[in-house]
């Protein structure tokens, strides 16, 4: 969701199955980049909790490209939660899948909430 396509009002209306697949694919890429690659590298060179904070900060800041400041803060908090889940889960593959599910649910709630607020205006 880094580039904000899913923030558009037509996301769930036009061809919603294809849009949902694209959204899920974006989450797979983001989680692979931030949890497996970035957090994995940071865990090798620093304290695990500092690594989680730094990866969450970068995750939040990259969402600034398409969202407003409250979304950056929410993305930072989501990055913290996902990083902690990743740290506390013994299997890297299972942690990756759990993070994808959490990210998907949080993202869909945000999209549906935003679209509902627009429709109610």
PDB file of N, CA and C in Angstrom:
ATOM      1  N   UNK A   1       0.806  -1.193   0.000  1.00  0.00           N
ATOM      2  CA  UNK A   1       0.000   0.000   0.000  1.00  0.00           C
ATOM      3  C   UNK A   1       0.849   1.256   0.000  1.00  0.00           C
ATOM      4  N   UNK A   2       2.104   1.105  -0.241  1.00  0.00           N
ATOM      5  CA  UNK A   2       3.002   2.239  -0.175  1.00  0.00           C
ATOM      6  C   UNK A   2       2.576   3.353  -1.129  1.00  0.00           C
ATOM      7  N   UNK A   3       2.040   3.027  -2.291  1.00  0.00           N
ATOM      8  CA  UNK A   3       1.737   4.054  -3.262  1.00  0.00           C
ATOM      9  C   UNK A   3       0.288   4.504  -3.261  1.00  0.00           C
ATOM     10  N   UNK A   4      -0.524   4.012  -2.341  1.00  0.00           N
ATOM     11  CA  UNK A   4      -1.830   4.579  -2.082  1.00  0.00           C
ATOM     12  C   UNK A   4      -2.951   4.253  -3.044  1.00  0.00           C
ATOM     13  N   UNK A   5      -2.768   3.293  -3.937  1.00  0.00           N
ATOM     14  CA  UNK A   5      -3.845   2.958  -4.865  1.00  0.00           C
ATOM     15  C   UNK A   5      -5.082   2.507  -4.104  1.00  0.00           C
ATOM     16  N   UNK A   6      -4.881   1.801  -3.004  1.00  0.00           N
ATOM     17  CA  UNK A   6      -5.988   1.240  -2.245  1.00  0.00           C
ATOM     18  C   UNK A   6      -6.685   2.287  -1.402  1.00  0.00           C
ATOM     19  N   UNK A   7      -6.184   3.484  -1.443  1.00  0.00           N
ATOM     20  CA  UNK A   7      -6.790   4.596  -0.732  1.00  0.00           C
ATOM     21  C   UNK A   7      -7.844   5.287  -1.598  1.00  0.00           C
ATOM     22  N   UNK A   8      -7.999   4.849  -2.834  1.00  0.00           N
ATOM     23  CA  UNK A   8      -8.916   5.490  -3.759  1.00  0.00           C
ATOM     24  C   UNK A   8     -10.333   4.974  -3.553  1.00  0.00           C
ATOM     25  N   UNK A   9     -11.348   5.817  -3.791  1.00  0.00           N
ATOM     26  CA  UNK A   9     -12.735   5.423  -3.521  1.00  0.00           C
ATOM     27  C   UNK A   9     -13.226   4.258  -4.368  1.00  0.00           C
ATOM     28  N   UNK A  10     -12.659   4.042  -5.546  1.00  0.00           N
ATOM     29  CA  UNK A  10     -13.145   2.979  -6.419  1.00  0.00           C
ATOM     30  C   UNK A  10     -12.552   1.617  -6.075  1.00  0.00           C
ATOM     31  N   UNK A  11     -11.697   1.549  -5.062  1.00  0.00           N
ATOM     32  CA  UNK A  11     -10.986   0.307  -4.748  1.00  0.00           C
ATOM     33  C   UNK A  11     -11.910  -0.887  -4.564  1.00  0.00           C
ATOM     34  N   UNK A  12     -12.920  -0.769  -3.722  1.00  0.00           N
ATOM     35  CA  UNK A  12     -13.784  -1.910  -3.442  1.00  0.00           C
ATOM     36  C   UNK A  12     -15.012  -1.971  -4.351  1.00  0.00           C
ATOM     37  N   UNK A  13     -15.200  -0.979  -5.185  1.00  0.00           N
ATOM     38  CA  UNK A  13     -16.404  -0.930  -5.996  1.00  0.00           C
ATOM     39  C   UNK A  13     -16.171  -1.577  -7.362  1.00  0.00           C
ATOM     40  N   UNK A  14     -15.156  -1.152  -8.055  1.00  0.00           N
ATOM     41  CA  UNK A  14     -14.884  -1.653  -9.393  1.00  0.00           C
ATOM     42  C   UNK A  14     -13.989  -2.885  -9.317  1.00  0.00           C
ATOM     43  N   UNK A  15     -14.477  -4.007  -9.813  1.00  0.00           N
ATOM     44  CA  UNK A  15     -13.691  -5.229  -9.899  1.00  0.00           C
ATOM     45  C   UNK A  15     -13.047  -5.571  -8.555  1.00  0.00           C
ATOM     46  N   UNK A  16     -13.849  -5.705  -7.524  1.00  0.00           N
ATOM     47  CA  UNK A  16     -13.357  -5.837  -6.156  1.00  0.00           C
ATOM     48  C   UNK A  16     -12.518  -7.084  -5.931  1.00  0.00           C
ATOM     49  N   UNK A  17     -12.798  -8.173  -6.639  1.00  0.00           N
ATOM     50  CA  UNK A  17     -11.996  -9.394  -6.434  1.00  0.00           C
ATOM     51  C   UNK A  17     -10.556  -9.187  -6.890  1.00  0.00           C
ATOM     52  N   UNK A  18     -10.402  -8.566  -8.041  1.00  0.00           N
ATOM     53  CA  UNK A  18      -9.055  -8.286  -8.548  1.00  0.00           C
ATOM     54  C   UNK A  18      -8.332  -7.301  -7.642  1.00  0.00           C
ATOM     55  N   UNK A  19      -9.044  -6.291  -7.160  1.00  0.00           N
ATOM     56  CA  UNK A  19      -8.441  -5.303  -6.251  1.00  0.00           C
ATOM     57  C   UNK A  19      -8.002  -5.954  -4.940  1.00  0.00           C
ATOM     58  N   UNK A  20      -8.815  -6.856  -4.423  1.00  0.00           N
ATOM     59  CA  UNK A  20      -8.457  -7.542  -3.181  1.00  0.00           C
ATOM     60  C   UNK A  20      -7.212  -8.408  -3.383  1.00  0.00           C
ATOM     61  N   UNK A  21      -7.122  -9.064  -4.537  1.00  0.00           N
ATOM     62  CA  UNK A  21      -5.918  -9.858  -4.852  1.00  0.00           C
ATOM     63  C   UNK A  21      -4.682  -8.965  -4.934  1.00  0.00           C
ATOM     64  N   UNK A  22      -4.823  -7.829  -5.591  1.00  0.00           N
ATOM     65  CA  UNK A  22      -3.698  -6.891  -5.694  1.00  0.00           C
ATOM     66  C   UNK A  22      -3.286  -6.380  -4.314  1.00  0.00           C
ATOM     67  N   UNK A  23      -4.263  -6.084  -3.489  1.00  0.00           N
ATOM     68  CA  UNK A  23      -3.993  -5.601  -2.139  1.00  0.00           C
ATOM     69  C   UNK A  23      -3.247  -6.663  -1.331  1.00  0.00           C
ATOM     70  N   UNK A  24      -3.705  -7.905  -1.428  1.00  0.00           N
ATOM     71  CA  UNK A  24      -3.052  -8.999  -0.715  1.00  0.00           C
ATOM     72  C   UNK A  24      -1.622  -9.196  -1.211  1.00  0.00           C
ATOM     73  N   UNK A  25      -1.417  -9.067  -2.517  1.00  0.00           N
ATOM     74  CA  UNK A  25      -0.070  -9.189  -3.078  1.00  0.00           C
ATOM     75  C   UNK A  25       0.836  -8.076  -2.545  1.00  0.00           C
ATOM     76  N   UNK A  26       0.318  -6.869  -2.426  1.00  0.00           N
ATOM     77  CA  UNK A  26       1.093  -5.759  -1.856  1.00  0.00           C
ATOM     78  C   UNK A  26       1.494  -6.061  -0.410  1.00  0.00           C
ATOM     79  N   UNK A  27       0.581  -6.646   0.340  1.00  0.00           N
ATOM     80  CA  UNK A  27       0.888  -6.993   1.731  1.00  0.00           C
ATOM     81  C   UNK A  27       1.983  -8.057   1.784  1.00  0.00           C
ATOM     82  N   UNK A  28       1.911  -9.055   0.918  1.00  0.00           N
ATOM     83  CA  UNK A  28       2.960 -10.072   0.865  1.00  0.00           C
ATOM     84  C   UNK A  28       4.321  -9.418   0.618  1.00  0.00           C
ATOM     85  N   UNK A  29       4.352  -8.479  -0.322  1.00  0.00           N
ATOM     86  CA  UNK A  29       5.618  -7.800  -0.630  1.00  0.00           C
ATOM     87  C   UNK A  29       6.093  -6.939   0.539  1.00  0.00           C
ATOM     88  N   UNK A  30       5.182  -6.170   1.136  1.00  0.00           N
ATOM     89  CA  UNK A  30       5.573  -5.314   2.261  1.00  0.00           C
ATOM     90  C   UNK A  30       6.077  -6.137   3.436  1.00  0.00           C
ATOM     91  N   UNK A  31       5.361  -7.185   3.763  1.00  0.00           N
ATOM     92  CA  UNK A  31       5.794  -8.011   4.897  1.00  0.00           C
ATOM     93  C   UNK A  31       7.117  -8.701   4.595  1.00  0.00           C
ATOM     94  N   UNK A  32       7.303  -9.137   3.377  1.00  0.00           N
ATOM     95  CA  UNK A  32       8.591  -9.736   3.006  1.00  0.00           C
ATOM     96  C   UNK A  32       9.722  -8.732   3.115  1.00  0.00           C
ATOM     97  N   UNK A  33       9.469  -7.525   2.654  1.00  0.00           N
ATOM     98  CA  UNK A  33      10.494  -6.476   2.704  1.00  0.00           C
ATOM     99  C   UNK A  33      10.788  -6.029   4.133  1.00  0.00           C
ATOM    100  N   UNK A  34       9.740  -5.731   4.900  1.00  0.00           N
ATOM    101  CA  UNK A  34       9.952  -5.134   6.215  1.00  0.00           C
ATOM    102  C   UNK A  34      10.210  -6.138   7.329  1.00  0.00           C
ATOM    103  N   UNK A  35       9.508  -7.259   7.315  1.00  0.00           N
ATOM    104  CA  UNK A  35       9.698  -8.217   8.406  1.00  0.00           C
ATOM    105  C   UNK A  35      10.848  -9.183   8.112  1.00  0.00           C
ATOM    106  N   UNK A  36      10.868  -9.776   6.936  1.00  0.00           N
ATOM    107  CA  UNK A  36      11.892 -10.795   6.673  1.00  0.00           C
ATOM    108  C   UNK A  36      13.224 -10.148   6.319  1.00  0.00           C
ATOM    109  N   UNK A  37      13.229  -9.245   5.362  1.00  0.00           N
ATOM    110  CA  UNK A  37      14.496  -8.666   4.903  1.00  0.00           C
ATOM    111  C   UNK A  37      15.040  -7.618   5.873  1.00  0.00           C
ATOM    112  N   UNK A  38      14.317  -6.516   6.039  1.00  0.00           N
ATOM    113  CA  UNK A  38      14.833  -5.413   6.856  1.00  0.00           C
ATOM    114  C   UNK A  38      14.986  -5.806   8.324  1.00  0.00           C
ATOM    115  N   UNK A  39      13.917  -6.329   8.920  1.00  0.00           N
ATOM    116  CA  UNK A  39      13.998  -6.706  10.327  1.00  0.00           C
ATOM    117  C   UNK A  39      15.003  -7.839  10.524  1.00  0.00           C
ATOM    118  N   UNK A  40      15.047  -8.772   9.582  1.00  0.00           N
ATOM    119  CA  UNK A  40      16.026  -9.858   9.670  1.00  0.00           C
ATOM    120  C   UNK A  40      17.456  -9.348   9.688  1.00  0.00           C
ATOM    121  N   UNK A  41      17.761  -8.380   8.841  1.00  0.00           N
ATOM    122  CA  UNK A  41      19.111  -7.791   8.808  1.00  0.00           C
ATOM    123  C   UNK A  41      19.383  -7.011  10.093  1.00  0.00           C
ATOM    124  N   UNK A  42      18.411  -6.205  10.512  1.00  0.00           N
ATOM    125  CA  UNK A  42      18.602  -5.415  11.732  1.00  0.00           C
ATOM    126  C   UNK A  42      18.793  -6.303  12.961  1.00  0.00           C
ATOM    127  N   UNK A  43      18.101  -7.427  13.008  1.00  0.00           N
ATOM    128  CA  UNK A  43      18.241  -8.345  14.149  1.00  0.00           C
ATOM    129  C   UNK A  43      19.651  -8.923  14.250  1.00  0.00           C
ATOM    130  N   UNK A  44      20.333  -9.011  13.124  1.00  0.00           N
ATOM    131  CA  UNK A  44      21.700  -9.545  13.130  1.00  0.00           C
ATOM    132  C   UNK A  44      22.714  -8.539  13.663  1.00  0.00           C
ATOM    133  N   UNK A  45      22.370  -7.242  13.624  1.00  0.00           N
ATOM    134  CA  UNK A  45      23.382  -6.243  13.972  1.00  0.00           C
ATOM    135  C   UNK A  45      23.049  -5.401  15.205  1.00  0.00           C
ATOM    136  N   UNK A  46      21.849  -5.593  15.796  1.00  0.00           N
ATOM    137  CA  UNK A  46      21.509  -4.761  16.952  1.00  0.00           C
ATOM    138  C   UNK A  46      20.525  -5.465  17.883  1.00  0.00           C
ATOM    139  N   UNK A  47      20.226  -4.779  18.973  1.00  0.00           N
ATOM    140  CA  UNK A  47      19.253  -5.235  19.949  1.00  0.00           C
ATOM    141  C   UNK A  47      17.916  -5.496  19.255  1.00  0.00           C
ATOM    142  N   UNK A  48      17.241  -6.622  19.568  1.00  0.00           N
ATOM    143  CA  UNK A  48      15.986  -6.950  18.883  1.00  0.00           C
ATOM    144  C   UNK A  48      14.905  -5.877  18.997  1.00  0.00           C
ATOM    145  N   UNK A  49      14.770  -5.260  20.160  1.00  0.00           N
ATOM    146  CA  UNK A  49      13.708  -4.260  20.320  1.00  0.00           C
ATOM    147  C   UNK A  49      14.029  -2.968  19.582  1.00  0.00           C
ATOM    148  N   UNK A  50      15.290  -2.605  19.535  1.00  0.00           N
ATOM    149  CA  UNK A  50      15.701  -1.448  18.739  1.00  0.00           C
ATOM    150  C   UNK A  50      15.482  -1.743  17.247  1.00  0.00           C
ATOM    151  N   UNK A  51      15.764  -2.964  16.841  1.00  0.00           N
ATOM    152  CA  UNK A  51      15.539  -3.365  15.452  1.00  0.00           C
ATOM    153  C   UNK A  51      14.063  -3.252  15.084  1.00  0.00           C
ATOM    154  N   UNK A  52      13.182  -3.657  15.994  1.00  0.00           N
ATOM    155  CA  UNK A  52      11.733  -3.553  15.746  1.00  0.00           C
ATOM    156  C   UNK A  52      11.322  -2.090  15.610  1.00  0.00           C
ATOM    157  N   UNK A  53      11.824  -1.231  16.484  1.00  0.00           N
ATOM    158  CA  UNK A  53      11.476   0.192  16.438  1.00  0.00           C
ATOM    159  C   UNK A  53      11.967   0.826  15.136  1.00  0.00           C
ATOM    160  N   UNK A  54      13.190   0.528  14.744  1.00  0.00           N
ATOM    161  CA  UNK A  54      13.729   1.113  13.507  1.00  0.00           C
ATOM    162  C   UNK A  54      12.960   0.625  12.286  1.00  0.00           C
ATOM    163  N   UNK A  55      12.665  -0.675  12.220  1.00  0.00           N
ATOM    164  CA  UNK A  55      11.916  -1.183  11.063  1.00  0.00           C
ATOM    165  C   UNK A  55      10.497  -0.605  11.046  1.00  0.00           C
ATOM    166  N   UNK A  56       9.884  -0.436  12.217  1.00  0.00           N
ATOM    167  CA  UNK A  56       8.542   0.159  12.287  1.00  0.00           C
ATOM    168  C   UNK A  56       8.579   1.626  11.872  1.00  0.00           C
ATOM    169  N   UNK A  57       9.620   2.333  12.263  1.00  0.00           N
ATOM    170  CA  UNK A  57       9.759   3.741  11.876  1.00  0.00           C
ATOM    171  C   UNK A  57       9.888   3.870  10.358  1.00  0.00           C
ATOM    172  N   UNK A  58      10.705   3.034   9.757  1.00  0.00           N
ATOM    173  CA  UNK A  58      10.858   3.070   8.299  1.00  0.00           C
ATOM    174  C   UNK A  58       9.547   2.676   7.618  1.00  0.00           C
ATOM    175  N   UNK A  59       8.872   1.660   8.143  1.00  0.00           N
ATOM    176  CA  UNK A  59       7.570   1.231   7.622  1.00  0.00           C
ATOM    177  C   UNK A  59       6.575   2.397   7.659  1.00  0.00           C
ATOM    178  N   UNK A  60       6.517   3.095   8.780  1.00  0.00           N
ATOM    179  CA  UNK A  60       5.616   4.235   8.908  1.00  0.00           C
ATOM    180  C   UNK A  60       5.969   5.379   7.973  1.00  0.00           C
ATOM    181  N   UNK A  61       7.255   5.700   7.896  1.00  0.00           N
ATOM    182  CA  UNK A  61       7.687   6.820   7.047  1.00  0.00           C
ATOM    183  C   UNK A  61       7.448   6.546   5.565  1.00  0.00           C
ATOM    184  N   UNK A  62       7.608   5.313   5.128  1.00  0.00           N
ATOM    185  CA  UNK A  62       7.353   5.007   3.723  1.00  0.00           C
ATOM    186  C   UNK A  62       5.875   5.121   3.377  1.00  0.00           C
ATOM    187  N   UNK A  63       4.998   4.965   4.350  1.00  0.00           N
ATOM    188  CA  UNK A  63       3.576   5.154   4.099  1.00  0.00           C
ATOM    189  C   UNK A  63       3.230   6.638   4.000  1.00  0.00           C
ATOM    190  N   UNK A  64       4.157   7.510   4.318  1.00  0.00           N
ATOM    191  CA  UNK A  64       3.943   8.950   4.185  1.00  0.00           C
ATOM    192  C   UNK A  64       3.833   9.353   2.717  1.00  0.00           C
ATOM    193  N   UNK A  65       4.350   8.520   1.811  1.00  0.00           N
ATOM    194  CA  UNK A  65       4.292   8.842   0.392  1.00  0.00           C
ATOM    195  C   UNK A  65       2.860   8.923  -0.134  1.00  0.00           C
ATOM    196  N   UNK A  66       1.931   8.235   0.538  1.00  0.00           N
ATOM    197  CA  UNK A  66       0.572   8.231   0.011  1.00  0.00           C
ATOM    198  C   UNK A  66      -0.506   8.596   1.039  1.00  0.00           C
ATOM    199  N   UNK A  67      -0.142   8.784   2.265  1.00  0.00           N
ATOM    200  CA  UNK A  67      -1.150   9.040   3.293  1.00  0.00           C
ATOM    201  C   UNK A  67      -0.801  10.290   4.094  1.00  0.00           C
ATOM    202  N   UNK A  68      -1.682  10.639   4.981  1.00  0.00           N
ATOM    203  CA  UNK A  68      -1.464  11.788   5.857  1.00  0.00           C
ATOM    204  C   UNK A  68      -0.746  11.353   7.133  1.00  0.00           C
ATOM    205  N   UNK A  69      -0.367  12.317   7.939  1.00  0.00           N
ATOM    206  CA  UNK A  69       0.400  12.064   9.167  1.00  0.00           C
ATOM    207  C   UNK A  69      -0.285  11.054  10.101  1.00  0.00           C
ATOM    208  N   UNK A  70      -1.601  11.117  10.330  1.00  0.00           N
ATOM    209  CA  UNK A  70      -2.206  10.092  11.202  1.00  0.00           C
ATOM    210  C   UNK A  70      -1.992   8.670  10.671  1.00  0.00           C
ATOM    211  N   UNK A  71      -1.973   8.525   9.340  1.00  0.00           N
ATOM    212  CA  UNK A  71      -1.742   7.197   8.766  1.00  0.00           C
ATOM    213  C   UNK A  71      -0.302   6.760   8.970  1.00  0.00           C
ATOM    214  N   UNK A  72       0.626   7.710   8.957  1.00  0.00           N
ATOM    215  CA  UNK A  72       2.031   7.390   9.223  1.00  0.00           C
ATOM    216  C   UNK A  72       2.168   6.877  10.657  1.00  0.00           C
ATOM    217  N   UNK A  73       1.491   7.543  11.578  1.00  0.00           N
ATOM    218  CA  UNK A  73       1.533   7.117  12.982  1.00  0.00           C
ATOM    219  C   UNK A  73       0.899   5.738  13.131  1.00  0.00           C
ATOM    220  N   UNK A  74      -0.258   5.540  12.486  1.00  0.00           N
ATOM    221  CA  UNK A  74      -0.922   4.238  12.549  1.00  0.00           C
ATOM    222  C   UNK A  74      -0.040   3.154  11.915  1.00  0.00           C
ATOM    223  N   UNK A  75       0.644   3.483  10.822  1.00  0.00           N
ATOM    224  CA  UNK A  75       1.542   2.516  10.173  1.00  0.00           C
ATOM    225  C   UNK A  75       2.732   2.199  11.064  1.00  0.00           C
ATOM    226  N   UNK A  76       3.239   3.204  11.763  1.00  0.00           N
ATOM    227  CA  UNK A  76       4.335   2.979  12.710  1.00  0.00           C
ATOM    228  C   UNK A  76       3.887   2.021  13.818  1.00  0.00           C
ATOM    229  N   UNK A  77       2.699   2.253  14.376  1.00  0.00           N
ATOM    230  CA  UNK A  77       2.188   1.387  15.439  1.00  0.00           C
ATOM    231  C   UNK A  77       1.958  -0.027  14.907  1.00  0.00           C
ATOM    232  N   UNK A  78       1.387  -0.134  13.709  1.00  0.00           N
ATOM    233  CA  UNK A  78       1.209  -1.455  13.095  1.00  0.00           C
ATOM    234  C   UNK A  78       2.561  -2.125  12.885  1.00  0.00           C
ATOM    235  N   UNK A  79       3.552  -1.357  12.447  1.00  0.00           N
ATOM    236  CA  UNK A  79       4.898  -1.906  12.277  1.00  0.00           C
ATOM    237  C   UNK A  79       5.483  -2.415  13.585  1.00  0.00           C
ATOM    238  N   UNK A  80       5.226  -1.698  14.683  1.00  0.00           N
ATOM    239  CA  UNK A  80       5.677  -2.165  15.999  1.00  0.00           C
ATOM    240  C   UNK A  80       5.010  -3.488  16.369  1.00  0.00           C
ATOM    241  N   UNK A  81       3.701  -3.533  16.204  1.00  0.00           N
ATOM    242  CA  UNK A  81       2.957  -4.758  16.547  1.00  0.00           C
ATOM    243  C   UNK A  81       3.438  -5.935  15.694  1.00  0.00           C
ATOM    244  N   UNK A  82       3.554  -5.714  14.400  1.00  0.00           N
ATOM    245  CA  UNK A  82       3.989  -6.794  13.509  1.00  0.00           C
ATOM    246  C   UNK A  82       5.421  -7.216  13.803  1.00  0.00           C
ATOM    247  N   UNK A  83       6.272  -6.253  14.133  1.00  0.00           N
ATOM    248  CA  UNK A  83       7.652  -6.581  14.491  1.00  0.00           C
ATOM    249  C   UNK A  83       7.730  -7.414  15.758  1.00  0.00           C
ATOM    250  N   UNK A  84       6.922  -7.067  16.749  1.00  0.00           N
ATOM    251  CA  UNK A  84       6.908  -7.837  17.998  1.00  0.00           C
ATOM    252  C   UNK A  84       6.355  -9.235  17.754  1.00  0.00           C
ATOM    253  N   UNK A  85       5.291  -9.327  16.948  1.00  0.00           N
ATOM    254  CA  UNK A  85       4.757 -10.650  16.590  1.00  0.00           C
ATOM    255  C   UNK A  85       5.839 -11.469  15.902  1.00  0.00           C
ATOM    256  N   UNK A  86       6.558 -10.844  14.997  1.00  0.00           N
ATOM    257  CA  UNK A  86       7.624 -11.535  14.271  1.00  0.00           C
ATOM    258  C   UNK A  86       8.712 -12.005  15.236  1.00  0.00           C
ATOM    259  N   UNK A  87       9.056 -11.162  16.199  1.00  0.00           N
ATOM    260  CA  UNK A  87      10.082 -11.534  17.193  1.00  0.00           C
ATOM    261  C   UNK A  87       9.643 -12.695  18.079  1.00  0.00           C
ATOM    262  N   UNK A  88       8.394 -12.680  18.502  1.00  0.00           N
ATOM    263  CA  UNK A  88       7.916 -13.640  19.485  1.00  0.00           C
ATOM    264  C   UNK A  88       7.468 -14.978  18.889  1.00  0.00           C
ATOM    265  N   UNK A  89       7.320 -15.032  17.578  1.00  0.00           N
ATOM    266  CA  UNK A  89       6.888 -16.268  16.934  1.00  0.00           C
ATOM    267  C   UNK A  89       8.113 -17.090  16.565  1.00  0.00           C
ATOM    268  N   UNK A  90       8.157 -18.358  17.007  1.00  0.00           N
ATOM    269  CA  UNK A  90       9.374 -19.155  16.821  1.00  0.00           C
ATOM    270  C   UNK A  90       9.724 -19.494  15.372  1.00  0.00           C
ATOM    271  N   UNK A  91       8.749 -19.629  14.507  1.00  0.00           N
ATOM    272  CA  UNK A  91       9.012 -19.984  13.114  1.00  0.00           C
ATOM    273  C   UNK A  91       8.924 -18.744  12.231  1.00  0.00           C
ATOM    274  N   UNK A  92       9.926 -18.515  11.428  1.00  0.00           N
ATOM    275  CA  UNK A  92       9.956 -17.346  10.537  1.00  0.00           C
ATOM    276  C   UNK A  92       8.802 -17.406   9.531  1.00  0.00           C
ATOM    277  N   UNK A  93       8.536 -18.577   8.986  1.00  0.00           N
ATOM    278  CA  UNK A  93       7.466 -18.719   7.991  1.00  0.00           C
ATOM    279  C   UNK A  93       6.105 -18.471   8.644  1.00  0.00           C
ATOM    280  N   UNK A  94       5.894 -19.052   9.819  1.00  0.00           N
ATOM    281  CA  UNK A  94       4.620 -18.854  10.520  1.00  0.00           C
ATOM    282  C   UNK A  94       4.461 -17.390  10.915  1.00  0.00           C
ATOM    283  N   UNK A  95       5.537 -16.771  11.390  1.00  0.00           N
ATOM    284  CA  UNK A  95       5.486 -15.348  11.762  1.00  0.00           C
ATOM    285  C   UNK A  95       5.128 -14.493  10.555  1.00  0.00           C
ATOM    286  N   UNK A  96       5.717 -14.804   9.405  1.00  0.00           N
ATOM    287  CA  UNK A  96       5.438 -14.084   8.160  1.00  0.00           C
ATOM    288  C   UNK A  96       3.953 -14.185   7.822  1.00  0.00           C
ATOM    289  N   UNK A  97       3.390 -15.379   7.910  1.00  0.00           N
ATOM    290  CA  UNK A  97       1.978 -15.587   7.588  1.00  0.00           C
ATOM    291  C   UNK A  97       1.055 -14.894   8.588  1.00  0.00           C
ATOM    292  N   UNK A  98       1.407 -14.939   9.863  1.00  0.00           N
ATOM    293  CA  UNK A  98       0.606 -14.246  10.881  1.00  0.00           C
ATOM    294  C   UNK A  98       0.640 -12.740  10.629  1.00  0.00           C
ATOM    295  N   UNK A  99       1.794 -12.210  10.310  1.00  0.00           N
ATOM    296  CA  UNK A  99       1.909 -10.768  10.021  1.00  0.00           C
ATOM    297  C   UNK A  99       1.085 -10.393   8.799  1.00  0.00           C
ATOM    298  N   UNK A 100       1.048 -11.251   7.791  1.00  0.00           N
ATOM    299  CA  UNK A 100       0.243 -10.982   6.594  1.00  0.00           C
ATOM    300  C   UNK A 100      -1.239 -10.921   6.959  1.00  0.00           C
ATOM    301  N   UNK A 101      -1.694 -11.862   7.758  1.00  0.00           N
ATOM    302  CA  UNK A 101      -3.110 -11.885   8.158  1.00  0.00           C
ATOM    303  C   UNK A 101      -3.464 -10.629   8.961  1.00  0.00           C
ATOM    304  N   UNK A 102      -2.634 -10.286   9.934  1.00  0.00           N
ATOM    305  CA  UNK A 102      -2.893  -9.091  10.743  1.00  0.00           C
ATOM    306  C   UNK A 102      -2.895  -7.840   9.865  1.00  0.00           C
ATOM    307  N   UNK A 103      -1.901  -7.711   9.000  1.00  0.00           N
ATOM    308  CA  UNK A 103      -1.780  -6.558   8.111  1.00  0.00           C
ATOM    309  C   UNK A 103      -3.008  -6.463   7.206  1.00  0.00           C
ATOM    310  N   UNK A 104      -3.438  -7.595   6.667  1.00  0.00           N
ATOM    311  CA  UNK A 104      -4.602  -7.610   5.782  1.00  0.00           C
ATOM    312  C   UNK A 104      -5.858  -7.142   6.520  1.00  0.00           C
ATOM    313  N   UNK A 105      -6.085  -7.674   7.707  1.00  0.00           N
ATOM    314  CA  UNK A 105      -7.281  -7.307   8.479  1.00  0.00           C
ATOM    315  C   UNK A 105      -7.266  -5.823   8.832  1.00  0.00           C
ATOM    316  N   UNK A 106      -6.140  -5.333   9.333  1.00  0.00           N
ATOM    317  CA  UNK A 106      -6.044  -3.915   9.703  1.00  0.00           C
ATOM    318  C   UNK A 106      -6.241  -3.030   8.469  1.00  0.00           C
ATOM    319  N   UNK A 107      -5.621  -3.397   7.368  1.00  0.00           N
ATOM    320  CA  UNK A 107      -5.755  -2.612   6.142  1.00  0.00           C
ATOM    321  C   UNK A 107      -7.180  -2.592   5.608  1.00  0.00           C
ATOM    322  N   UNK A 108      -7.844  -3.739   5.622  1.00  0.00           N
ATOM    323  CA  UNK A 108      -9.221  -3.790   5.135  1.00  0.00           C
ATOM    324  C   UNK A 108     -10.158  -2.980   6.032  1.00  0.00           C
ATOM    325  N   UNK A 109      -9.961  -3.050   7.333  1.00  0.00           N
ATOM    326  CA  UNK A 109     -10.773  -2.242   8.245  1.00  0.00           C
ATOM    327  C   UNK A 109     -10.563  -0.756   7.950  1.00  0.00           C
ATOM    328  N   UNK A 110      -9.323  -0.359   7.725  1.00  0.00           N
ATOM    329  CA  UNK A 110      -9.033   1.049   7.415  1.00  0.00           C
ATOM    330  C   UNK A 110      -9.674   1.479   6.102  1.00  0.00           C
ATOM    331  N   UNK A 111      -9.574   0.642   5.086  1.00  0.00           N
ATOM    332  CA  UNK A 111     -10.149   0.976   3.773  1.00  0.00           C
ATOM    333  C   UNK A 111     -11.662   1.069   3.865  1.00  0.00           C
ATOM    334  N   UNK A 112     -12.289   0.077   4.472  1.00  0.00           N
ATOM    335  CA  UNK A 112     -13.748   0.065   4.577  1.00  0.00           C
ATOM    336  C   UNK A 112     -14.243   1.241   5.420  1.00  0.00           C
ATOM    337  N   UNK A 113     -13.533   1.551   6.498  1.00  0.00           N
ATOM    338  CA  UNK A 113     -13.910   2.694   7.335  1.00  0.00           C
ATOM    339  C   UNK A 113     -13.823   3.995   6.543  1.00  0.00           C
ATOM    340  N   UNK A 114     -12.737   4.162   5.807  1.00  0.00           N
ATOM    341  CA  UNK A 114     -12.567   5.395   5.030  1.00  0.00           C
ATOM    342  C   UNK A 114     -13.639   5.519   3.947  1.00  0.00           C
ATOM    343  N   UNK A 115     -13.910   4.425   3.244  1.00  0.00           N
ATOM    344  CA  UNK A 115     -14.938   4.471   2.203  1.00  0.00           C
ATOM    345  C   UNK A 115     -16.319   4.712   2.791  1.00  0.00           C
ATOM    346  N   UNK A 116     -16.601   4.112   3.918  1.00  0.00           N
ATOM    347  CA  UNK A 116     -17.891   4.320   4.573  1.00  0.00           C
ATOM    348  C   UNK A 116     -18.053   5.777   4.983  1.00  0.00           C
ATOM    349  N   UNK A 117     -17.009   6.375   5.514  1.00  0.00           N
ATOM    350  CA  UNK A 117     -17.074   7.785   5.899  1.00  0.00           C
ATOM    351  C   UNK A 117     -17.311   8.667   4.678  1.00  0.00           C
ATOM    352  N   UNK A 118     -16.707   8.326   3.544  1.00  0.00           N
ATOM    353  CA  UNK A 118     -16.938   9.116   2.324  1.00  0.00           C
ATOM    354  C   UNK A 118     -18.372   8.975   1.840  1.00  0.00           C
ATOM    355  N   UNK A 119     -18.892   7.753   1.908  1.00  0.00           N
ATOM    356  CA  UNK A 119     -20.260   7.509   1.427  1.00  0.00           C
ATOM    357  C   UNK A 119     -21.285   8.178   2.335  1.00  0.00           C
ATOM    358  N   UNK A 120     -20.959   8.357   3.611  1.00  0.00           N
ATOM    359  CA  UNK A 120     -21.911   8.958   4.546  1.00  0.00           C
ATOM    360  C   UNK A 120     -21.967  10.478   4.428  1.00  0.00           C
ATOM    361  N   UNK A 121     -21.011  11.053   3.760  1.00  0.00           N
ATOM    362  CA  UNK A 121     -20.990  12.528   3.631  1.00  0.00           C
ATOM    363  C   UNK A 121     -22.052  13.012   2.688  1.00  0.00           C
TER     364      UNK A 121
END
